Amino acid sequence: MTSTADPDKRAPGRPRSARSEQAIIDAVLGMIADGEALETLSIESIAARAGVGKATIYRRWASRDQVVVDAVASLKLPVPEVAGESVRDDLVTLMSRIGQPSDQPRNGRVMSCLLPQVARNPDLHHWYQQVIEPRREVTRRVLRRGIETGELRPDLDVEVVLLVLAAPMIVQRTMRWNPAIDEVGLAERVVDAVLTGAAPG
């Protein structure tokens, strides 16, 4: 690999190159979107696709799995702010972001290819949980607030409700599980369906 392809190697000790880091992230996402299994990814193949040297990757990440996790984390939009006035409105705000990482078609392919592999790899599963836990915790707080204000049943199983809310958004938006579903207003319809069972008797 020439120094032209890897500016970080050409100037040791310089500040991190945002361009090189983005090239590495894009390389990982592109390989996953192309259908390459995580087990076959290597630092060497990532470096070759990104046009950088292996040392550039190792200066940022200690292992291949950490590169993959950060690449996936880059797809996630920031956890949105919630108004804190209506449980329904806050849940719609949160659910509207799930399974919709960006407007790039490639990213949808990445998620549909990645999720089955995350389920098979304990390390990736653990790190992926860290990626999604902040959004989950915000949703928990909204649900617990709803219980305290009487908007939701006092015996509500918060963890089950989290699952029921998020699962259809993820499955539909990453796999288009039911092509007959109109995704316009999907978050509102999912939230309303769940709240029908979560409301006080």
C-alpha atoms as a PDB file:
ATOM      1  CA  MET A   1       0.000   0.000   0.000  1.00  0.00           C
ATOM      2  CA  THR A   2       1.512   3.325  -1.024  1.00  0.00           C
ATOM      3  CA  SER A   3       1.709   6.378   1.150  1.00  0.00           C
ATOM      4  CA  THR A   4      -0.608   8.176  -1.260  1.00  0.00           C
ATOM      5  CA  ALA A   5      -3.393   5.716  -0.444  1.00  0.00           C
ATOM      6  CA  ASP A   6      -2.782   6.049   3.282  1.00  0.00           C
ATOM      7  CA  PRO A   7      -2.063   9.631   4.389  1.00  0.00           C
ATOM      8  CA  ASP A   8      -1.984   8.571   8.037  1.00  0.00           C
ATOM      9  CA  LYS A   9       0.984   6.297   7.330  1.00  0.00           C
ATOM     10  CA  ARG A  10       2.774   9.086   5.515  1.00  0.00           C
ATOM     11  CA  ALA A  11       2.730  11.349   8.570  1.00  0.00           C
ATOM     12  CA  PRO A  12       2.985   9.361  11.827  1.00  0.00           C
ATOM     13  CA  GLY A  13       1.702  11.167  14.854  1.00  0.00           C
ATOM     14  CA  ARG A  14      -0.534  13.585  12.952  1.00  0.00           C
ATOM     15  CA  PRO A  15      -4.129  14.021  14.208  1.00  0.00           C
ATOM     16  CA  ARG A  16      -6.578  11.340  13.144  1.00  0.00           C
ATOM     17  CA  SER A  17      -7.670  11.673   9.561  1.00  0.00           C
ATOM     18  CA  ALA A  18     -11.432  11.984   9.424  1.00  0.00           C
ATOM     19  CA  ARG A  19     -11.288  11.075   5.743  1.00  0.00           C
ATOM     20  CA  SER A  20      -9.439   7.811   6.418  1.00  0.00           C
ATOM     21  CA  GLU A  21     -11.791   6.919   9.260  1.00  0.00           C
ATOM     22  CA  GLN A  22     -14.845   7.519   7.068  1.00  0.00           C
ATOM     23  CA  ALA A  23     -13.286   5.442   4.290  1.00  0.00           C
ATOM     24  CA  ILE A  24     -12.856   2.549   6.730  1.00  0.00           C
ATOM     25  CA  ILE A  25     -16.448   2.849   7.969  1.00  0.00           C
ATOM     26  CA  ASP A  26     -17.737   3.013   4.388  1.00  0.00           C
ATOM     27  CA  ALA A  27     -15.654  -0.016   3.440  1.00  0.00           C
ATOM     28  CA  VAL A  28     -17.135  -2.133   6.231  1.00  0.00           C
ATOM     29  CA  LEU A  29     -20.695  -1.044   5.437  1.00  0.00           C
ATOM     30  CA  GLY A  30     -20.176  -1.642   1.731  1.00  0.00           C
ATOM     31  CA  MET A  31     -18.859  -5.159   2.309  1.00  0.00           C
ATOM     32  CA  ILE A  32     -21.771  -6.054   4.588  1.00  0.00           C
ATOM     33  CA  ALA A  33     -24.276  -4.565   2.136  1.00  0.00           C
ATOM     34  CA  ASP A  34     -22.706  -6.676  -0.613  1.00  0.00           C
ATOM     35  CA  GLY A  35     -23.599  -9.763   1.409  1.00  0.00           C
ATOM     36  CA  GLU A  36     -20.202 -10.603   2.841  1.00  0.00           C
ATOM     37  CA  ALA A  37     -20.451 -12.557   6.087  1.00  0.00           C
ATOM     38  CA  LEU A  38     -18.889 -10.951   9.130  1.00  0.00           C
ATOM     39  CA  GLU A  39     -16.828 -14.097   9.668  1.00  0.00           C
ATOM     40  CA  THR A  40     -15.030 -13.484   6.385  1.00  0.00           C
ATOM     41  CA  LEU A  41     -14.224  -9.847   7.034  1.00  0.00           C
ATOM     42  CA  SER A  42     -10.635  -9.187   8.021  1.00  0.00           C
ATOM     43  CA  ILE A  43      -8.546  -6.161   8.814  1.00  0.00           C
ATOM     44  CA  GLU A  44      -6.666  -6.852   5.575  1.00  0.00           C
ATOM     45  CA  SER A  45      -9.799  -6.906   3.413  1.00  0.00           C
ATOM     46  CA  ILE A  46     -11.209  -3.805   5.101  1.00  0.00           C
ATOM     47  CA  ALA A  47      -7.932  -1.952   4.618  1.00  0.00           C
ATOM     48  CA  ALA A  48      -7.768  -2.948   0.963  1.00  0.00           C
ATOM     49  CA  ARG A  49     -11.294  -1.745   0.250  1.00  0.00           C
ATOM     50  CA  ALA A  50     -10.778   1.492   2.189  1.00  0.00           C
ATOM     51  CA  GLY A  51      -7.438   2.194   0.533  1.00  0.00           C
ATOM     52  CA  VAL A  52      -5.565   2.479   3.817  1.00  0.00           C
ATOM     53  CA  GLY A  53      -2.911   0.494   5.612  1.00  0.00           C
ATOM     54  CA  LYS A  54      -3.679  -1.950   8.403  1.00  0.00           C
ATOM     55  CA  ALA A  55      -1.841   0.296  10.860  1.00  0.00           C
ATOM     56  CA  THR A  56      -4.356   3.060  10.177  1.00  0.00           C
ATOM     57  CA  ILE A  57      -7.160   0.760  11.296  1.00  0.00           C
ATOM     58  CA  TYR A  58      -5.293  -0.506  14.347  1.00  0.00           C
ATOM     59  CA  ARG A  59      -4.640   3.060  15.510  1.00  0.00           C
ATOM     60  CA  ARG A  60      -8.389   3.477  15.866  1.00  0.00           C
ATOM     61  CA  TRP A  61      -9.687   0.000  16.714  1.00  0.00           C
ATOM     62  CA  ALA A  62      -8.216  -2.945  18.588  1.00  0.00           C
ATOM     63  CA  SER A  63     -10.049  -5.616  16.567  1.00  0.00           C
ATOM     64  CA  ARG A  64     -12.153  -6.279  13.514  1.00  0.00           C
ATOM     65  CA  ASP A  65     -15.301  -6.673  15.613  1.00  0.00           C
ATOM     66  CA  GLN A  66     -14.854  -3.209  17.093  1.00  0.00           C
ATOM     67  CA  VAL A  67     -14.571  -1.746  13.597  1.00  0.00           C
ATOM     68  CA  VAL A  68     -17.823  -3.473  12.641  1.00  0.00           C
ATOM     69  CA  VAL A  69     -19.638  -2.260  15.747  1.00  0.00           C
ATOM     70  CA  ASP A  70     -18.578   1.344  15.189  1.00  0.00           C
ATOM     71  CA  ALA A  71     -19.566   1.095  11.534  1.00  0.00           C
ATOM     72  CA  VAL A  72     -23.038  -0.105  12.523  1.00  0.00           C
ATOM     73  CA  ALA A  73     -23.280   2.555  15.236  1.00  0.00           C
ATOM     74  CA  SER A  74     -22.620   5.201  12.583  1.00  0.00           C
ATOM     75  CA  LEU A  75     -25.927   4.242  10.930  1.00  0.00           C
ATOM     76  CA  LYS A  76     -27.942   5.054  13.999  1.00  0.00           C
ATOM     77  CA  LEU A  77     -29.503   8.478  14.176  1.00  0.00           C
ATOM     78  CA  PRO A  78     -29.120  10.300  17.505  1.00  0.00           C
ATOM     79  CA  VAL A  79     -31.762   9.468  20.079  1.00  0.00           C
ATOM     80  CA  PRO A  80     -34.419  12.145  19.503  1.00  0.00           C
ATOM     81  CA  GLU A  81     -35.486  14.574  22.178  1.00  0.00           C
ATOM     82  CA  VAL A  82     -38.945  13.908  23.581  1.00  0.00           C
ATOM     83  CA  ALA A  83     -41.312  16.632  24.732  1.00  0.00           C
ATOM     84  CA  GLY A  84     -42.344  14.849  27.921  1.00  0.00           C
ATOM     85  CA  GLU A  85     -45.966  15.946  27.648  1.00  0.00           C
ATOM     86  CA  SER A  86     -47.728  12.955  26.043  1.00  0.00           C
ATOM     87  CA  VAL A  87     -46.690   9.318  26.274  1.00  0.00           C
ATOM     88  CA  ARG A  88     -48.186   8.654  22.844  1.00  0.00           C
ATOM     89  CA  ASP A  89     -46.393  11.544  21.161  1.00  0.00           C
ATOM     90  CA  ASP A  90     -43.079  10.657  22.795  1.00  0.00           C
ATOM     91  CA  LEU A  91     -43.369   7.019  21.739  1.00  0.00           C
ATOM     92  CA  VAL A  92     -44.201   8.016  18.160  1.00  0.00           C
ATOM     93  CA  THR A  93     -41.114  10.268  18.122  1.00  0.00           C
ATOM     94  CA  LEU A  94     -38.901   7.413  19.325  1.00  0.00           C
ATOM     95  CA  MET A  95     -40.399   4.680  17.169  1.00  0.00           C
ATOM     96  CA  SER A  96     -40.257   6.783  14.019  1.00  0.00           C
ATOM     97  CA  ARG A  97     -36.444   6.536  14.100  1.00  0.00           C
ATOM     98  CA  ILE A  98     -36.218   2.769  14.585  1.00  0.00           C
ATOM     99  CA  GLY A  99     -35.163   0.820  11.523  1.00  0.00           C
ATOM    100  CA  GLN A 100     -34.678   4.015   9.559  1.00  0.00           C
ATOM    101  CA  PRO A 101     -30.972   4.823   9.958  1.00  0.00           C
ATOM    102  CA  SER A 102     -30.738   7.170   6.981  1.00  0.00           C
ATOM    103  CA  ASP A 103     -32.020   7.829   3.512  1.00  0.00           C
ATOM    104  CA  GLN A 104     -29.289   5.711   1.884  1.00  0.00           C
ATOM    105  CA  PRO A 105     -30.623   2.434   0.415  1.00  0.00           C
ATOM    106  CA  ARG A 106     -27.302   0.782   1.221  1.00  0.00           C
ATOM    107  CA  ASN A 107     -27.889   1.188   4.924  1.00  0.00           C
ATOM    108  CA  GLY A 108     -31.134  -0.749   4.800  1.00  0.00           C
ATOM    109  CA  ARG A 109     -29.272  -3.620   3.132  1.00  0.00           C
ATOM    110  CA  VAL A 110     -26.600  -3.442   5.809  1.00  0.00           C
ATOM    111  CA  MET A 111     -29.119  -3.872   8.617  1.00  0.00           C
ATOM    112  CA  SER A 112     -30.992  -6.728   6.951  1.00  0.00           C
ATOM    113  CA  CYS A 113     -27.700  -8.576   6.364  1.00  0.00           C
ATOM    114  CA  LEU A 114     -26.266  -7.757   9.760  1.00  0.00           C
ATOM    115  CA  LEU A 115     -29.034  -8.630  12.212  1.00  0.00           C
ATOM    116  CA  PRO A 116     -28.934 -12.418  11.660  1.00  0.00           C
ATOM    117  CA  GLN A 117     -25.162 -12.352  12.069  1.00  0.00           C
ATOM    118  CA  VAL A 118     -25.342 -10.324  15.268  1.00  0.00           C
ATOM    119  CA  ALA A 119     -27.640 -12.992  16.702  1.00  0.00           C
ATOM    120  CA  ARG A 120     -25.010 -15.672  15.996  1.00  0.00           C
ATOM    121  CA  ASN A 121     -21.985 -13.806  17.366  1.00  0.00           C
ATOM    122  CA  PRO A 122     -22.034 -13.246  21.170  1.00  0.00           C
ATOM    123  CA  ASP A 123     -19.417 -10.480  21.070  1.00  0.00           C
ATOM    124  CA  LEU A 124     -21.167  -8.567  18.322  1.00  0.00           C
ATOM    125  CA  HIS A 125     -24.483  -9.105  20.075  1.00  0.00           C
ATOM    126  CA  HIS A 126     -23.067  -7.624  23.282  1.00  0.00           C
ATOM    127  CA  TRP A 127     -21.653  -4.578  21.507  1.00  0.00           C
ATOM    128  CA  TYR A 128     -24.800  -4.087  19.458  1.00  0.00           C
ATOM    129  CA  GLN A 129     -26.789  -3.997  22.684  1.00  0.00           C
ATOM    130  CA  GLN A 130     -24.613  -1.093  23.766  1.00  0.00           C
ATOM    131  CA  VAL A 131     -25.469   0.697  20.542  1.00  0.00           C
ATOM    132  CA  ILE A 132     -29.233   0.398  20.975  1.00  0.00           C
ATOM    133  CA  GLU A 133     -29.492   0.578  24.787  1.00  0.00           C
ATOM    134  CA  PRO A 134     -29.572   4.408  25.017  1.00  0.00           C
ATOM    135  CA  ARG A 135     -32.719   4.567  22.843  1.00  0.00           C
ATOM    136  CA  ARG A 136     -34.248   1.706  24.800  1.00  0.00           C
ATOM    137  CA  GLU A 137     -33.614   3.487  28.104  1.00  0.00           C
ATOM    138  CA  VAL A 138     -35.271   6.688  26.875  1.00  0.00           C
ATOM    139  CA  THR A 139     -38.315   4.620  25.876  1.00  0.00           C
ATOM    140  CA  ARG A 140     -38.353   2.941  29.298  1.00  0.00           C
ATOM    141  CA  ARG A 141     -38.457   6.354  30.963  1.00  0.00           C
ATOM    142  CA  VAL A 142     -41.389   7.412  28.806  1.00  0.00           C
ATOM    143  CA  LEU A 143     -43.299   4.236  29.714  1.00  0.00           C
ATOM    144  CA  ARG A 144     -42.510   4.543  33.418  1.00  0.00           C
ATOM    145  CA  ARG A 145     -43.652   8.153  33.348  1.00  0.00           C
ATOM    146  CA  GLY A 146     -46.894   7.001  31.762  1.00  0.00           C
ATOM    147  CA  ILE A 147     -47.424   4.520  34.579  1.00  0.00           C
ATOM    148  CA  GLU A 148     -46.798   7.254  37.178  1.00  0.00           C
ATOM    149  CA  THR A 149     -49.209   9.700  35.505  1.00  0.00           C
ATOM    150  CA  GLY A 150     -51.921   7.082  35.030  1.00  0.00           C
ATOM    151  CA  GLU A 151     -51.723   7.125  31.231  1.00  0.00           C
ATOM    152  CA  LEU A 152     -50.647   3.469  31.303  1.00  0.00           C
ATOM    153  CA  ARG A 153     -51.646   0.458  33.377  1.00  0.00           C
ATOM    154  CA  PRO A 154     -49.814   0.151  36.704  1.00  0.00           C
ATOM    155  CA  ASP A 155     -49.057  -3.538  36.061  1.00  0.00           C
ATOM    156  CA  LEU A 156     -47.494  -2.874  32.651  1.00  0.00           C
ATOM    157  CA  ASP A 157     -44.505  -5.066  31.752  1.00  0.00           C
ATOM    158  CA  VAL A 158     -42.187  -2.357  30.455  1.00  0.00           C
ATOM    159  CA  GLU A 159     -39.676  -4.717  28.847  1.00  0.00           C
ATOM    160  CA  VAL A 160     -42.382  -6.591  26.928  1.00  0.00           C
ATOM    161  CA  VAL A 161     -43.876  -3.319  25.722  1.00  0.00           C
ATOM    162  CA  LEU A 162     -40.418  -2.229  24.519  1.00  0.00           C
ATOM    163  CA  LEU A 163     -40.219  -5.427  22.492  1.00  0.00           C
ATOM    164  CA  VAL A 164     -43.724  -5.121  21.058  1.00  0.00           C
ATOM    165  CA  LEU A 165     -43.114  -1.524  20.030  1.00  0.00           C
ATOM    166  CA  ALA A 166     -39.707  -1.975  18.431  1.00  0.00           C
ATOM    167  CA  ALA A 167     -40.038  -5.367  16.729  1.00  0.00           C
ATOM    168  CA  PRO A 168     -42.534  -4.436  13.998  1.00  0.00           C
ATOM    169  CA  MET A 169     -40.613  -1.260  13.177  1.00  0.00           C
ATOM    170  CA  ILE A 170     -37.340  -3.155  12.782  1.00  0.00           C
ATOM    171  CA  VAL A 171     -38.777  -6.081  10.841  1.00  0.00           C
ATOM    172  CA  GLN A 172     -40.848  -3.984   8.466  1.00  0.00           C
ATOM    173  CA  ARG A 173     -38.228  -1.364   7.749  1.00  0.00           C
ATOM    174  CA  THR A 174     -35.230  -3.648   7.377  1.00  0.00           C
ATOM    175  CA  MET A 175     -36.904  -6.628   5.692  1.00  0.00           C
ATOM    176  CA  ARG A 176     -40.158  -5.195   4.284  1.00  0.00           C
ATOM    177  CA  TRP A 177     -41.746  -8.254   5.917  1.00  0.00           C
ATOM    178  CA  ASN A 178     -45.215  -7.312   4.676  1.00  0.00           C
ATOM    179  CA  PRO A 179     -45.121  -5.352   1.397  1.00  0.00           C
ATOM    180  CA  ALA A 180     -48.807  -4.543   1.826  1.00  0.00           C
ATOM    181  CA  ILE A 181     -48.030  -2.313   4.800  1.00  0.00           C
ATOM    182  CA  ASP A 182     -47.996   1.396   4.037  1.00  0.00           C
ATOM    183  CA  GLU A 183     -45.005   2.700   5.953  1.00  0.00           C
ATOM    184  CA  VAL A 184     -46.342   6.242   6.027  1.00  0.00           C
ATOM    185  CA  GLY A 185     -47.536   6.744   9.576  1.00  0.00           C
ATOM    186  CA  LEU A 186     -46.333   3.283  10.610  1.00  0.00           C
ATOM    187  CA  ALA A 187     -44.919   4.499  13.932  1.00  0.00           C
ATOM    188  CA  GLU A 188     -48.243   6.101  14.852  1.00  0.00           C
ATOM    189  CA  ARG A 189     -50.196   2.961  13.997  1.00  0.00           C
ATOM    190  CA  VAL A 190     -47.854   0.669  15.925  1.00  0.00           C
ATOM    191  CA  VAL A 191     -47.899   2.929  18.983  1.00  0.00           C
ATOM    192  CA  ASP A 192     -51.699   3.215  18.918  1.00  0.00           C
ATOM    193  CA  ALA A 193     -52.087  -0.564  18.629  1.00  0.00           C
ATOM    194  CA  VAL A 194     -49.792  -1.139  21.611  1.00  0.00           C
ATOM    195  CA  LEU A 195     -51.369   1.599  23.716  1.00  0.00           C
ATOM    196  CA  THR A 196     -54.780   0.018  23.233  1.00  0.00           C
ATOM    197  CA  GLY A 197     -53.597  -2.846  25.401  1.00  0.00           C
ATOM    198  CA  ALA A 198     -51.403  -0.714  27.675  1.00  0.00           C
ATOM    199  CA  ALA A 199     -54.055   1.833  28.664  1.00  0.00           C
ATOM    200  CA  PRO A 200     -55.758   1.617  32.071  1.00  0.00           C
ATOM    201  CA  GLY A 201     -58.826  -0.597  32.143  1.00  0.00           C
END
